[in-house]
Amino acid sequence: MSADAILAALAALGDPAAVPAVVDTLGAAVRHEQHGVTQSALKALGAFGPAAAEALDTIRSLTTAADAHVRSAAVAALWAAGENLT
């Protein structure tokens, strides 16, 4: 099973207890420049909405990432988490 599939499954379950594991995965994906996994982790965090508040600083930092898809996913995750983007 791929990291993308696991992240999607965690998001679908919707249990906020999974947020720390998703945040850890996001950090590892960023460190290893795995843009696809980074996007999947951001999408999963967005699915948790406000429960992903602990990840807002990390998500916010990715809004200036070099990869356009990562930037877009970060903005979407911030929006889903209820972060004011103005």
C-alpha atoms as a PDB file:
ATOM      1  CA  MET A   1       0.000   0.000   0.000  1.00  0.00           C
ATOM      2  CA  SER A   2       1.375   3.417  -0.907  1.00  0.00           C
ATOM      3  CA  ALA A   3       1.762   6.376   1.433  1.00  0.00           C
ATOM      4  CA  ASP A   4      -0.823   8.204  -0.670  1.00  0.00           C
ATOM      5  CA  ALA A   5      -3.382   5.436  -0.096  1.00  0.00           C
ATOM      6  CA  ILE A   6      -2.680   5.315   3.645  1.00  0.00           C
ATOM      7  CA  LEU A   7      -3.035   9.096   3.947  1.00  0.00           C
ATOM      8  CA  ALA A   8      -6.316   8.976   2.021  1.00  0.00           C
ATOM      9  CA  ALA A   9      -7.589   6.212   4.306  1.00  0.00           C
ATOM     10  CA  LEU A  10      -6.652   8.177   7.439  1.00  0.00           C
ATOM     11  CA  ALA A  11      -8.436  11.228   6.056  1.00  0.00           C
ATOM     12  CA  ALA A  12     -11.505   9.154   5.228  1.00  0.00           C
ATOM     13  CA  LEU A  13     -11.628   7.769   8.770  1.00  0.00           C
ATOM     14  CA  GLY A  14     -11.634  11.324  10.074  1.00  0.00           C
ATOM     15  CA  ASP A  15     -10.204  10.474  13.494  1.00  0.00           C
ATOM     16  CA  PRO A  16      -8.289  13.528  14.773  1.00  0.00           C
ATOM     17  CA  ALA A  17      -5.968  11.157  16.651  1.00  0.00           C
ATOM     18  CA  ALA A  18      -4.345  10.494  13.255  1.00  0.00           C
ATOM     19  CA  VAL A  19      -3.292  14.133  12.789  1.00  0.00           C
ATOM     20  CA  PRO A  20       0.139  13.736  14.480  1.00  0.00           C
ATOM     21  CA  ALA A  21       0.983  10.792  12.217  1.00  0.00           C
ATOM     22  CA  VAL A  22      -0.033  12.794   9.150  1.00  0.00           C
ATOM     23  CA  VAL A  23       2.057  15.752  10.356  1.00  0.00           C
ATOM     24  CA  ASP A  24       5.064  13.441  10.802  1.00  0.00           C
ATOM     25  CA  THR A  25       4.527  12.040   7.315  1.00  0.00           C
ATOM     26  CA  LEU A  26       4.283  15.550   5.912  1.00  0.00           C
ATOM     27  CA  GLY A  27       7.582  16.511   7.535  1.00  0.00           C
ATOM     28  CA  ALA A  28       9.340  13.428   6.161  1.00  0.00           C
ATOM     29  CA  ALA A  29       7.904  13.987   2.684  1.00  0.00           C
ATOM     30  CA  VAL A  30       9.110  17.594   2.668  1.00  0.00           C
ATOM     31  CA  ARG A  31      12.604  16.590   3.869  1.00  0.00           C
ATOM     32  CA  HIS A  32      12.867  13.937   1.151  1.00  0.00           C
ATOM     33  CA  GLU A  33      11.303  16.152  -1.526  1.00  0.00           C
ATOM     34  CA  GLN A  34       8.484  13.702  -2.161  1.00  0.00           C
ATOM     35  CA  HIS A  35       6.068  16.211  -3.643  1.00  0.00           C
ATOM     36  CA  GLY A  36       3.290  13.694  -4.321  1.00  0.00           C
ATOM     37  CA  VAL A  37       3.279  12.461  -0.727  1.00  0.00           C
ATOM     38  CA  THR A  38       3.517  16.060   0.480  1.00  0.00           C
ATOM     39  CA  GLN A  39       0.382  16.889  -1.506  1.00  0.00           C
ATOM     40  CA  SER A  40      -1.429  13.817  -0.154  1.00  0.00           C
ATOM     41  CA  ALA A  41      -0.510  14.711   3.434  1.00  0.00           C
ATOM     42  CA  LEU A  42      -1.711  18.273   2.911  1.00  0.00           C
ATOM     43  CA  LYS A  43      -4.974  16.981   1.438  1.00  0.00           C
ATOM     44  CA  ALA A  44      -5.398  14.653   4.423  1.00  0.00           C
ATOM     45  CA  LEU A  45      -4.757  17.486   6.874  1.00  0.00           C
ATOM     46  CA  GLY A  46      -7.310  19.587   5.031  1.00  0.00           C
ATOM     47  CA  ALA A  47      -9.839  16.791   5.473  1.00  0.00           C
ATOM     48  CA  PHE A  48      -9.391  17.026   9.246  1.00  0.00           C
ATOM     49  CA  GLY A  49     -10.394  20.695   9.117  1.00  0.00           C
ATOM     50  CA  PRO A  50      -9.890  22.633  12.351  1.00  0.00           C
ATOM     51  CA  ALA A  51      -8.612  19.461  14.069  1.00  0.00           C
ATOM     52  CA  ALA A  52      -5.395  19.966  12.074  1.00  0.00           C
ATOM     53  CA  ALA A  53      -4.657  23.242  13.876  1.00  0.00           C
ATOM     54  CA  GLU A  54      -1.376  21.898  15.257  1.00  0.00           C
ATOM     55  CA  ALA A  55      -0.071  21.702  11.691  1.00  0.00           C
ATOM     56  CA  LEU A  56      -0.951  25.245  10.622  1.00  0.00           C
ATOM     57  CA  ASP A  57       2.595  26.611  10.903  1.00  0.00           C
ATOM     58  CA  THR A  58       3.960  23.772   8.777  1.00  0.00           C
ATOM     59  CA  ILE A  59       1.156  24.079   6.246  1.00  0.00           C
ATOM     60  CA  ARG A  60       1.572  27.854   6.080  1.00  0.00           C
ATOM     61  CA  SER A  61       5.308  27.462   5.370  1.00  0.00           C
ATOM     62  CA  LEU A  62       4.489  25.312   2.336  1.00  0.00           C
ATOM     63  CA  THR A  63       2.450  28.062   0.674  1.00  0.00           C
ATOM     64  CA  THR A  64       5.777  29.349  -0.663  1.00  0.00           C
ATOM     65  CA  ALA A  65       7.165  25.953  -1.751  1.00  0.00           C
ATOM     66  CA  ALA A  66       8.985  25.737  -5.079  1.00  0.00           C
ATOM     67  CA  ASP A  67       6.504  23.152  -6.402  1.00  0.00           C
ATOM     68  CA  ALA A  68       3.280  24.783  -7.611  1.00  0.00           C
ATOM     69  CA  HIS A  69       1.189  21.718  -6.754  1.00  0.00           C
ATOM     70  CA  VAL A  70       2.484  21.739  -3.180  1.00  0.00           C
ATOM     71  CA  ARG A  71       1.740  25.465  -2.872  1.00  0.00           C
ATOM     72  CA  SER A  72      -1.796  24.898  -4.113  1.00  0.00           C
ATOM     73  CA  ALA A  73      -2.341  21.962  -1.757  1.00  0.00           C
ATOM     74  CA  ALA A  74      -1.034  24.024   1.169  1.00  0.00           C
ATOM     75  CA  VAL A  75      -3.430  26.880   0.457  1.00  0.00           C
ATOM     76  CA  ALA A  76      -6.323  24.415   0.161  1.00  0.00           C
ATOM     77  CA  ALA A  77      -5.352  22.780   3.471  1.00  0.00           C
ATOM     78  CA  LEU A  78      -5.180  26.165   5.219  1.00  0.00           C
ATOM     79  CA  TRP A  79      -8.571  27.076   3.835  1.00  0.00           C
ATOM     80  CA  ALA A  80     -10.066  23.749   4.954  1.00  0.00           C
ATOM     81  CA  ALA A  81      -8.597  24.158   8.423  1.00  0.00           C
ATOM     82  CA  GLY A  82     -10.399  27.488   8.695  1.00  0.00           C
ATOM     83  CA  GLU A  83      -7.273  29.604   8.502  1.00  0.00           C
ATOM     84  CA  ASN A  84      -7.856  33.193   7.476  1.00  0.00           C
ATOM     85  CA  LEU A  85      -5.773  33.684   4.318  1.00  0.00           C
ATOM     86  CA  THR A  86      -5.962  37.463   4.261  1.00  0.00           C
END
